[in-house]
């Protein structure tokens, strides 16, 4: 089944049977350091292949399910990295703080949030449309290494996973399709590690090619479906931000320019362990993915994140207009580790031909506008950046979306949470799902 979208394409919609939601990318797609797992009890009727959303091997060019190939209720697990052995709760509680064991992923939160919203909106008629969640990514890989045709061909993990999903559906007498793809990649490319490109145009070309390859090989080729799955991305940032923001801007370009692709939001606002997210951060980001999946797949919206339309110079001020999903704009404090942070200059940087231009203040001037007041006039061509490396990949700008996740922030030191994870303003409360401004680097135009 497919439905027309404002993009003018026919996009996959949930069908009675198994609807596969597949995460791909590098470590943030597979839950590195996402321990202790939080979503231990299955919620709803979503499923996974084998005993984990991940395969037995973290890095082989094959998807071999953990334990068996049967369908099991979707629940978060913790696996040794890279061996893939499931760890008991006692073993997890005894892990050293620097362990990169694989734990909670964005899939548990995303599937729970999306499935609940779908049933609430459309009722019992959607009960037969069950979700199957799988994580196929490999940590520490460039987009080039994850692309079709690379050696080793890690893309084969996707082929295997879809083939197994289709076989499991057939064995249980159900229809099957790939409903949605979640792409979480960019850290290695952002820093041009291991030969990965950080060039905006080149990285965008790779993203477009990857999406087309996933649609052609997985959805059309293996699943045999006509309607393409939607692609949901995040934006690389936080500890992996650069000052040029080439990868971050390419990710935004994809979401704004390629039909069927949507950016759930930036990664920087949620809690982390210094590069990788922590278990709460993964589930929190997952809930944001699930919210956007519902807006796109259920409500048919052409979702856009909070992003800038223009930057205009008026004297010593730079005036920005933004697309705001839920006006008005507001200031917030993103997390650096587990610490809510007041970001210098709200995360804004202005640069001209002579270098950085000191920022005097940053103010909200309307429901969708910001003014950056400078100490001096820019000299020559100038740009304005937000959430760049100079600010630790952080920014303070968000909207007023009051949506809350169904899941709450958890702190339990007996299960392995770091002491720093005891954040008073979060513990026991639903994850807030305001939309934070994406990182950007755009030219300042004369008025």
Protein backbone atom coordinates (compact mmCIF):
# COMPACT_ATOMS: atom_id res chain seq x y z
CA UNK A 1 0.00 0.00 0.00
CA UNK A 2 1.21 3.48 -0.75
CA UNK A 3 -0.08 6.97 -0.38
CA UNK A 4 0.59 10.11 -2.37
CA UNK A 5 2.68 12.74 -0.64
CA UNK A 6 3.14 16.46 -1.20
CA UNK A 7 6.51 15.50 -2.74
CA UNK A 8 4.59 13.96 -5.64
CA UNK A 9 5.92 10.46 -4.95
CA UNK A 10 4.15 7.37 -3.71
CA UNK A 11 5.68 6.52 -0.36
CA UNK A 12 5.34 3.29 1.63
CA UNK A 13 2.62 3.24 4.26
CA UNK A 14 2.05 0.59 6.97
CA UNK A 15 0.53 -2.67 5.68
CA UNK A 16 -1.07 -5.61 7.51
CA UNK A 17 1.95 -7.80 8.22
CA UNK A 18 5.58 -6.97 8.98
CA UNK A 19 6.78 -3.41 8.37
CA UNK A 20 10.57 -3.35 8.62
CA UNK A 21 12.25 -0.31 10.21
CA UNK A 22 16.00 -0.54 9.64
CA UNK A 23 18.74 1.59 11.22
CA UNK A 24 22.05 1.95 9.36
CA UNK A 25 25.18 4.02 9.83
CA UNK A 26 28.04 3.93 12.29
CA UNK A 27 28.19 3.58 16.09
CA UNK A 28 25.20 5.75 16.95
CA UNK A 29 23.00 3.50 14.81
CA UNK A 30 23.92 0.43 16.87
CA UNK A 31 23.99 1.77 20.42
CA UNK A 32 27.69 1.93 21.28
CA UNK A 33 27.95 2.68 25.03
CA UNK A 34 24.15 2.57 25.31
CA UNK A 35 24.29 0.54 28.50
CA UNK A 36 22.59 -0.26 30.78
CA UNK A 37 19.70 -0.96 28.40
CA UNK A 38 16.43 0.66 29.46
CA UNK A 39 13.73 -0.82 27.22
CA UNK A 40 14.08 -4.33 28.66
CA UNK A 41 10.37 -5.14 28.70
CA UNK A 42 8.65 -5.40 25.29
CA UNK A 43 6.12 -2.62 24.72
CA UNK A 44 3.36 -3.25 22.24
CA UNK A 45 3.77 -5.96 19.62
CA UNK A 46 6.87 -4.87 17.71
CA UNK A 47 9.44 -7.51 16.85
CA UNK A 48 13.11 -8.21 16.16
CA UNK A 49 15.03 -10.95 14.33
CA UNK A 50 16.66 -13.22 16.88
CA UNK A 51 17.50 -12.13 20.41
CA UNK A 52 18.67 -8.60 19.60
CA UNK A 53 18.02 -5.84 17.08
CA UNK A 54 21.70 -6.21 16.12
CA UNK A 55 23.37 -9.21 14.47
CA UNK A 56 25.85 -11.46 16.25
CA UNK A 57 28.87 -9.68 14.75
CA UNK A 58 29.42 -5.95 15.02
CA UNK A 59 31.58 -5.71 11.92
CA UNK A 60 31.20 -8.68 9.55
CA UNK A 61 29.70 -8.10 6.10
CA UNK A 62 26.74 -10.31 6.99
CA UNK A 63 23.65 -10.12 9.22
CA UNK A 64 23.47 -13.29 11.31
CA UNK A 65 20.83 -12.98 14.05
CA UNK A 66 21.73 -13.59 17.68
CA UNK A 67 20.60 -17.00 18.90
CA UNK A 68 18.16 -17.93 16.15
CA UNK A 69 16.34 -16.49 13.15
CA UNK A 70 12.91 -16.45 14.74
CA UNK A 71 10.85 -13.36 15.46
CA UNK A 72 10.98 -12.19 19.06
CA UNK A 73 9.33 -9.28 20.93
CA UNK A 74 11.33 -6.09 20.50
CA UNK A 75 13.40 -5.33 23.60
CA UNK A 76 16.75 -3.67 24.21
CA UNK A 77 19.75 -5.88 24.96
CA UNK A 78 23.39 -5.38 25.83
CA UNK A 79 26.04 -7.17 23.75
CA UNK A 80 29.77 -7.44 24.12
CA UNK A 81 31.63 -5.42 21.49
CA UNK A 82 32.85 -6.74 19.07
CA UNK A 83 32.02 -10.37 19.91
CA UNK A 84 28.27 -9.79 20.15
CA UNK A 85 27.55 -12.12 23.08
CA UNK A 86 24.51 -11.09 25.12
CA UNK A 87 25.41 -9.81 28.61
CA UNK A 88 23.36 -10.42 31.73
CA UNK A 89 22.13 -7.56 33.91
CA UNK A 90 24.78 -8.51 36.48
CA UNK A 91 27.53 -8.39 33.87
CA UNK A 92 26.29 -5.03 32.62
CA UNK A 93 26.25 -3.57 36.14
CA UNK A 94 29.91 -4.53 36.48
CA UNK A 95 31.14 -3.02 33.21
CA UNK A 96 33.91 -0.40 33.50
CA UNK A 97 32.84 3.15 32.71
CA UNK A 98 34.77 3.21 29.45
CA UNK A 99 33.21 0.01 28.05
CA UNK A 100 31.91 0.35 24.49
CA UNK A 101 29.42 -2.49 24.93
CA UNK A 102 26.39 -2.21 22.65
CA UNK A 103 23.12 -1.40 24.39
CA UNK A 104 19.96 0.64 23.92
CA UNK A 105 19.50 1.92 20.36
CA UNK A 106 17.26 4.55 18.82
CA UNK A 107 15.05 1.75 17.45
CA UNK A 108 13.36 0.83 20.72
CA UNK A 109 12.28 4.42 21.37
CA UNK A 110 11.41 5.12 17.75
CA UNK A 111 9.30 1.99 17.28
CA UNK A 112 7.48 2.52 20.55
CA UNK A 113 6.71 6.18 19.87
CA UNK A 114 5.67 5.69 16.25
CA UNK A 115 3.57 2.58 16.84
CA UNK A 116 1.71 4.15 19.77
CA UNK A 117 0.98 7.34 17.83
CA UNK A 118 -0.17 5.34 14.79
CA UNK A 119 -2.64 3.28 16.85
CA UNK A 120 -3.91 6.37 18.67
CA UNK A 121 -4.52 8.15 15.38
CA UNK A 122 -6.00 5.31 13.33
CA UNK A 123 -7.28 2.88 15.92
CA UNK A 124 -7.65 -0.89 15.87
CA UNK A 125 -7.62 -0.99 12.06
CA UNK A 126 -3.83 -0.62 12.23
CA UNK A 127 -3.31 -3.44 14.75
CA UNK A 128 -2.21 -5.95 12.07
CA UNK A 129 0.50 -3.54 10.86
CA UNK A 130 3.35 -4.70 13.10
CA UNK A 131 6.87 -3.27 13.19
CA UNK A 132 10.06 -5.27 12.78
CA UNK A 133 13.16 -3.37 13.97
CA UNK A 134 16.77 -4.13 12.97
CA UNK A 135 20.12 -2.34 13.36
CA UNK A 136 22.58 -3.04 10.54
CA UNK A 137 25.25 -0.38 11.07
CA UNK A 138 28.95 -0.78 11.84
CA UNK A 139 30.81 1.51 14.22
CA UNK A 140 33.72 3.66 13.10
CA UNK A 141 33.01 3.58 9.37
CA UNK A 142 32.89 6.33 6.77
CA UNK A 143 29.92 6.71 4.46
CA UNK A 144 32.15 5.44 1.67
CA UNK A 145 32.80 2.21 3.61
CA UNK A 146 29.08 1.72 4.25
CA UNK A 147 28.08 2.28 0.64
CA UNK A 148 27.19 -0.33 -1.94
CA UNK A 149 30.26 -1.80 -3.63
CA UNK A 150 32.77 -1.02 -0.86
CA UNK A 151 35.22 -3.72 0.25
CA UNK A 152 34.37 -5.40 2.52
CA UNK A 153 30.80 -4.83 1.40
CA UNK A 154 29.11 -3.92 4.69
CA UNK A 155 26.02 -3.00 2.65
CA UNK A 156 25.49 -6.77 2.51
CA UNK A 157 24.30 -6.60 6.12
CA UNK A 158 21.26 -4.75 4.80
CA UNK A 159 20.65 -7.32 2.07
CA UNK A 160 20.84 -10.20 4.54
CA UNK A 161 18.59 -8.45 7.05
CA UNK A 162 15.84 -7.71 4.52
CA UNK A 163 16.03 -11.24 3.11
CA UNK A 164 15.68 -12.70 6.61
CA UNK A 165 12.80 -10.37 7.41
CA UNK A 166 10.97 -11.40 4.27
CA UNK A 167 11.57 -15.09 5.02
CA UNK A 168 10.31 -14.71 8.59
CA UNK A 169 7.18 -12.96 7.35
CA UNK A 170 6.52 -15.70 4.79
CA UNK A 171 7.03 -18.42 7.41
CA UNK A 172 4.36 -16.83 9.59
CA UNK A 173 1.99 -16.19 6.68
CA UNK A 174 2.39 -12.40 6.71
CA UNK A 175 3.04 -9.76 4.09
CA UNK A 176 6.33 -7.87 4.27
CA UNK A 177 7.80 -4.52 3.29
CA UNK A 178 10.58 -2.11 4.22
CA UNK A 179 8.65 0.80 5.72
CA UNK A 180 11.36 3.17 6.93
CA UNK A 181 15.14 3.60 7.00
CA UNK A 182 16.94 5.42 9.80
CA UNK A 183 20.41 6.72 8.87
CA UNK A 184 22.81 7.74 11.65
CA UNK A 185 26.22 8.41 10.11
CA UNK A 186 28.58 11.32 9.70
CA UNK A 187 31.05 11.37 12.58
CA UNK A 188 34.03 9.92 10.66
CA UNK A 189 33.29 12.03 7.60
CA UNK A 190 32.83 15.20 9.63
CA UNK A 191 36.45 14.93 10.73
CA UNK A 192 37.61 13.40 7.40
CA UNK A 193 38.81 10.27 9.17
CA UNK A 194 39.95 7.14 7.30
CA UNK A 195 39.72 8.87 3.93
CA UNK A 196 36.09 9.91 4.32
CA UNK A 197 35.08 13.08 2.53
CA UNK A 198 33.99 16.10 4.55
CA UNK A 199 33.14 18.09 1.43
CA UNK A 200 29.51 19.18 1.42
CA UNK A 201 28.77 18.43 -2.23
CA UNK A 202 30.64 15.14 -2.30
CA UNK A 203 29.06 13.88 0.91
CA UNK A 204 25.60 14.82 -0.31
CA UNK A 205 26.23 12.88 -3.54
CA UNK A 206 27.12 9.81 -1.46
CA UNK A 207 23.96 10.21 0.63
CA UNK A 208 21.73 10.42 -2.45
CA UNK A 209 23.41 7.38 -3.99
CA UNK A 210 23.06 5.36 -0.77
CA UNK A 211 19.35 6.12 -0.51
CA UNK A 212 18.74 5.18 -4.14
CA UNK A 213 20.73 1.96 -3.67
CA UNK A 214 18.75 1.05 -0.56
CA UNK A 215 15.45 1.63 -2.33
CA UNK A 216 16.48 -0.28 -5.46
CA UNK A 217 18.20 -3.25 -3.81
CA UNK A 218 16.28 -3.66 -0.57
CA UNK A 219 12.74 -2.37 -1.08
CA UNK A 220 12.26 -3.05 -4.77
CA UNK A 221 14.76 -5.83 -5.36
CA UNK A 222 14.37 -8.06 -2.29
CA UNK A 223 11.09 -6.99 -0.70
CA UNK A 224 9.46 -6.60 -4.12
CA UNK A 225 7.51 -3.51 -3.13
CA UNK A 226 6.60 -0.62 -5.40
CA UNK A 227 6.48 2.24 -2.91
CA UNK A 228 9.87 3.40 -1.55
CA UNK A 229 10.50 3.58 2.20
CA UNK A 230 11.05 6.99 3.74
CA UNK A 231 14.53 7.84 4.96
CA UNK A 232 14.84 9.54 8.35
CA UNK A 233 18.18 11.08 9.29
CA UNK A 234 19.69 12.96 12.17
CA UNK A 235 22.36 15.64 11.96
CA UNK A 236 25.89 14.90 13.13
CA UNK A 237 27.08 17.29 15.81
CA UNK A 238 28.11 17.61 19.43
CA UNK A 239 31.61 16.26 19.98
CA UNK A 240 31.98 15.50 16.25
CA UNK A 241 31.09 18.94 14.92
CA UNK A 242 33.48 20.81 12.63
CA UNK A 243 33.75 24.54 12.01
CA UNK A 244 33.06 24.16 8.29
CA UNK A 245 29.98 21.97 8.98
CA UNK A 246 30.23 20.44 5.50
CA UNK A 247 28.71 17.10 6.50
CA UNK A 248 26.04 18.73 8.67
CA UNK A 249 25.00 21.00 5.80
CA UNK A 250 24.97 18.08 3.34
CA UNK A 251 22.66 16.19 5.67
CA UNK A 252 20.35 19.21 5.76
CA UNK A 253 20.57 19.54 1.97
CA UNK A 254 19.39 15.94 1.63
CA UNK A 255 16.41 16.45 3.92
CA UNK A 256 15.33 19.64 2.16
CA UNK A 257 16.00 18.55 -1.40
CA UNK A 258 15.49 14.81 -1.88
CA UNK A 259 11.88 13.55 -1.92
CA UNK A 260 11.24 10.89 0.69
CA UNK A 261 14.05 12.04 3.03
CA UNK A 262 13.44 13.80 6.36
CA UNK A 263 15.67 15.07 9.17
CA UNK A 264 14.35 14.26 12.64
CA UNK A 265 16.70 16.81 14.17
CA UNK A 266 20.25 17.34 15.43
CA UNK A 267 21.90 14.93 17.87
CA UNK A 268 23.44 17.52 20.21
CA UNK A 269 20.57 18.25 22.67
CA UNK A 270 20.43 14.83 24.39
CA UNK A 271 22.58 13.20 27.06
CA UNK A 272 25.79 11.44 26.02
CA UNK A 273 29.00 9.82 27.18
CA UNK A 274 31.31 12.08 25.20
CA UNK A 275 30.74 11.27 21.54
CA UNK A 276 28.49 8.24 21.88
CA UNK A 277 25.11 8.72 23.53
CA UNK A 278 24.17 7.08 26.80
CA UNK A 279 21.14 4.82 27.13
CA UNK A 280 18.80 7.71 27.92
CA UNK A 281 20.22 9.71 25.03
CA UNK A 282 19.56 6.91 22.54
CA UNK A 283 16.01 6.39 23.77
CA UNK A 284 15.39 10.14 23.84
CA UNK A 285 16.65 10.58 20.26
CA UNK A 286 14.61 7.53 19.29
CA UNK A 287 11.45 9.16 20.59
CA UNK A 288 12.22 12.19 18.40
CA UNK A 289 12.61 9.88 15.41
CA UNK A 290 9.30 8.23 16.28
CA UNK A 291 7.55 11.59 16.56
CA UNK A 292 8.75 12.64 13.11
CA UNK A 293 7.93 9.23 11.60
CA UNK A 294 4.35 9.71 12.80
CA UNK A 295 4.17 13.22 11.37
CA UNK A 296 5.38 11.94 7.99
CA UNK A 297 3.96 8.42 7.69
CA UNK A 298 0.67 8.86 9.54
CA UNK A 299 -0.20 12.52 9.04
CA UNK A 300 1.40 12.94 5.61
CA UNK A 301 3.35 16.07 6.51
CA UNK A 302 6.37 17.32 4.58
CA UNK A 303 8.38 17.54 7.79
CA UNK A 304 11.09 20.16 8.06
CA UNK A 305 13.42 20.61 11.03
CA UNK A 306 14.15 23.98 12.62
CA UNK A 307 16.57 25.55 10.13
CA UNK A 308 17.54 29.00 8.75
CA UNK A 309 15.99 30.52 5.64
CA UNK A 310 18.20 33.61 5.46
CA UNK A 311 20.75 35.81 7.19
CA UNK A 312 20.77 39.53 6.40
CA UNK A 313 23.14 42.24 7.63
CA UNK A 314 21.64 45.45 8.93
CA UNK A 315 24.41 47.61 10.37
CA UNK A 316 26.06 45.66 13.19
CA UNK A 317 23.21 43.18 13.33
CA UNK A 318 22.77 39.88 11.54
CA UNK A 319 19.06 39.13 11.22
CA UNK A 320 18.06 35.49 10.76
CA UNK A 321 14.72 34.10 9.63
CA UNK A 322 14.03 30.44 10.34
CA UNK A 323 11.54 27.69 9.58
CA UNK A 324 10.09 26.82 12.98
CA UNK A 325 7.98 23.64 13.35
CA UNK A 326 6.27 24.87 16.54
CA UNK A 327 6.63 28.64 17.06
CA UNK A 328 7.71 30.64 18.91
CA UNK A 329 11.46 30.22 19.14
CA UNK A 330 12.90 29.80 22.62
CA UNK A 331 16.22 29.33 24.36
CA UNK A 332 17.19 26.06 25.98
CA UNK A 333 20.18 24.28 27.49
CA UNK A 334 21.50 21.27 25.56
CA UNK A 335 23.49 18.57 27.30
CA UNK A 336 27.25 18.19 27.27
CA UNK A 337 27.58 14.72 28.76
CA UNK A 338 25.00 14.89 31.54
CA UNK A 339 25.41 18.60 32.20
CA UNK A 340 22.81 21.10 30.94
CA UNK A 341 24.95 23.78 29.31
CA UNK A 342 24.65 27.53 28.82
CA UNK A 343 26.26 27.90 25.41
CA UNK A 344 28.43 30.97 24.78
CA UNK A 345 26.79 33.39 22.33
CA UNK A 346 23.89 30.89 22.17
CA UNK A 347 26.07 28.85 19.79
CA UNK A 348 26.46 31.53 17.05
CA UNK A 349 29.70 32.46 15.30
CA UNK A 350 30.17 35.22 12.72
CA UNK A 351 33.27 35.28 10.54
CA UNK A 352 34.48 37.61 7.79
CA UNK A 353 37.61 37.98 5.68
CA UNK A 354 39.64 38.93 8.78
CA UNK A 355 38.45 36.05 10.96
CA UNK A 356 35.96 35.91 13.81
CA UNK A 357 33.74 38.92 14.48
CA UNK A 358 33.04 39.28 18.23
CA UNK A 359 29.39 38.77 19.16
CA UNK A 360 27.90 41.28 21.57
CA UNK A 361 24.52 39.60 22.16
CA UNK A 362 21.99 37.26 20.58
CA UNK A 363 18.29 37.93 21.00
CA UNK A 364 14.97 36.54 19.85
CA UNK A 365 13.19 39.19 17.81
CA UNK A 366 10.04 37.30 16.84
CA UNK A 367 8.46 33.84 16.73
CA UNK A 368 10.76 32.85 13.85
CA UNK A 369 13.62 35.35 13.97
CA UNK A 370 16.93 35.94 15.74
CA UNK A 371 19.24 38.96 15.85
CA UNK A 372 22.99 38.60 16.35
CA UNK A 373 24.52 41.93 17.38
CA UNK A 374 28.24 42.34 16.61
CA UNK A 375 30.98 44.47 18.15
CA UNK A 376 31.91 45.80 14.72
CA UNK A 377 30.76 45.77 11.12
CA UNK A 378 31.77 42.71 9.09
CA UNK A 379 34.47 43.46 6.52
CA UNK A 380 33.96 41.79 3.18
CA UNK A 381 31.98 38.57 2.67
CA UNK A 382 30.79 37.11 5.98
CA UNK A 383 29.12 33.96 7.23
CA UNK A 384 27.13 32.97 10.28
CA UNK A 385 27.57 29.57 11.86
CA UNK A 386 25.59 27.81 14.56
CA UNK A 387 26.52 24.80 16.73
CA UNK A 388 30.02 24.64 15.24
CA UNK A 389 33.10 23.06 16.78
CA UNK A 390 34.04 26.34 18.44
CA UNK A 391 30.93 25.84 20.60
CA UNK A 392 31.44 22.13 21.13
CA UNK A 393 28.81 21.37 18.51
CA UNK A 394 26.14 22.86 20.79
CA UNK A 395 23.53 25.58 20.41
CA UNK A 396 20.75 27.00 22.57
CA UNK A 397 17.98 27.59 20.00
CA UNK A 398 14.83 25.47 20.02
CA UNK A 399 11.11 25.80 19.31
CA UNK A 400 8.10 25.49 21.63
CA UNK A 401 6.92 21.99 20.77
CA UNK A 402 5.48 20.70 24.07
CA UNK A 403 5.37 17.06 22.94
CA UNK A 404 6.67 14.60 25.52
CA UNK A 405 7.83 11.04 25.02
CA UNK A 406 5.99 8.13 26.58
CA UNK A 407 9.27 6.96 28.09
CA UNK A 408 10.84 8.67 31.07
CA UNK A 409 14.45 9.41 31.91
CA UNK A 410 15.90 6.65 34.10
CA UNK A 411 18.68 6.74 36.68
CA UNK A 412 19.60 3.64 38.66
CA UNK A 413 23.22 3.35 39.86
CA UNK A 414 22.73 -0.32 40.73
CA UNK A 415 22.31 -1.21 37.04
CA UNK A 416 25.40 0.60 35.81
CA UNK A 417 24.44 4.26 35.34
CA UNK A 418 27.25 6.72 35.92
CA UNK A 419 26.81 8.97 38.95
CA UNK A 420 26.80 11.97 36.60
CA UNK A 421 23.60 10.62 34.96
CA UNK A 422 21.58 11.67 38.00
CA UNK A 423 20.16 14.84 36.45
CA UNK A 424 17.54 16.26 38.82
CA UNK A 425 15.55 18.05 36.12
CA UNK A 426 15.21 14.86 34.08
CA UNK A 427 14.97 11.84 36.39
CA UNK A 428 11.53 10.25 36.33
CA UNK A 429 10.17 12.71 33.79
CA UNK A 430 9.21 12.15 30.14
CA UNK A 431 11.84 13.12 27.61
CA UNK A 432 10.93 16.58 26.23
CA UNK A 433 10.64 16.59 22.43
CA UNK A 434 11.09 20.22 21.47
CA UNK A 435 12.73 20.67 18.06
CA UNK A 436 16.24 22.10 18.29
CA UNK A 437 17.83 24.17 15.56
CA UNK A 438 20.12 22.25 13.24
CA UNK A 439 23.74 23.26 12.88
CA UNK A 440 24.40 25.52 9.90
CA UNK A 441 26.95 27.63 8.05
CA UNK A 442 25.37 30.15 5.68
CA UNK A 443 26.41 33.41 3.97
CA UNK A 444 25.27 36.77 5.32
CA UNK A 445 23.61 38.84 2.64
CA UNK A 446 23.44 42.66 2.54
CA UNK A 447 20.02 44.12 3.26
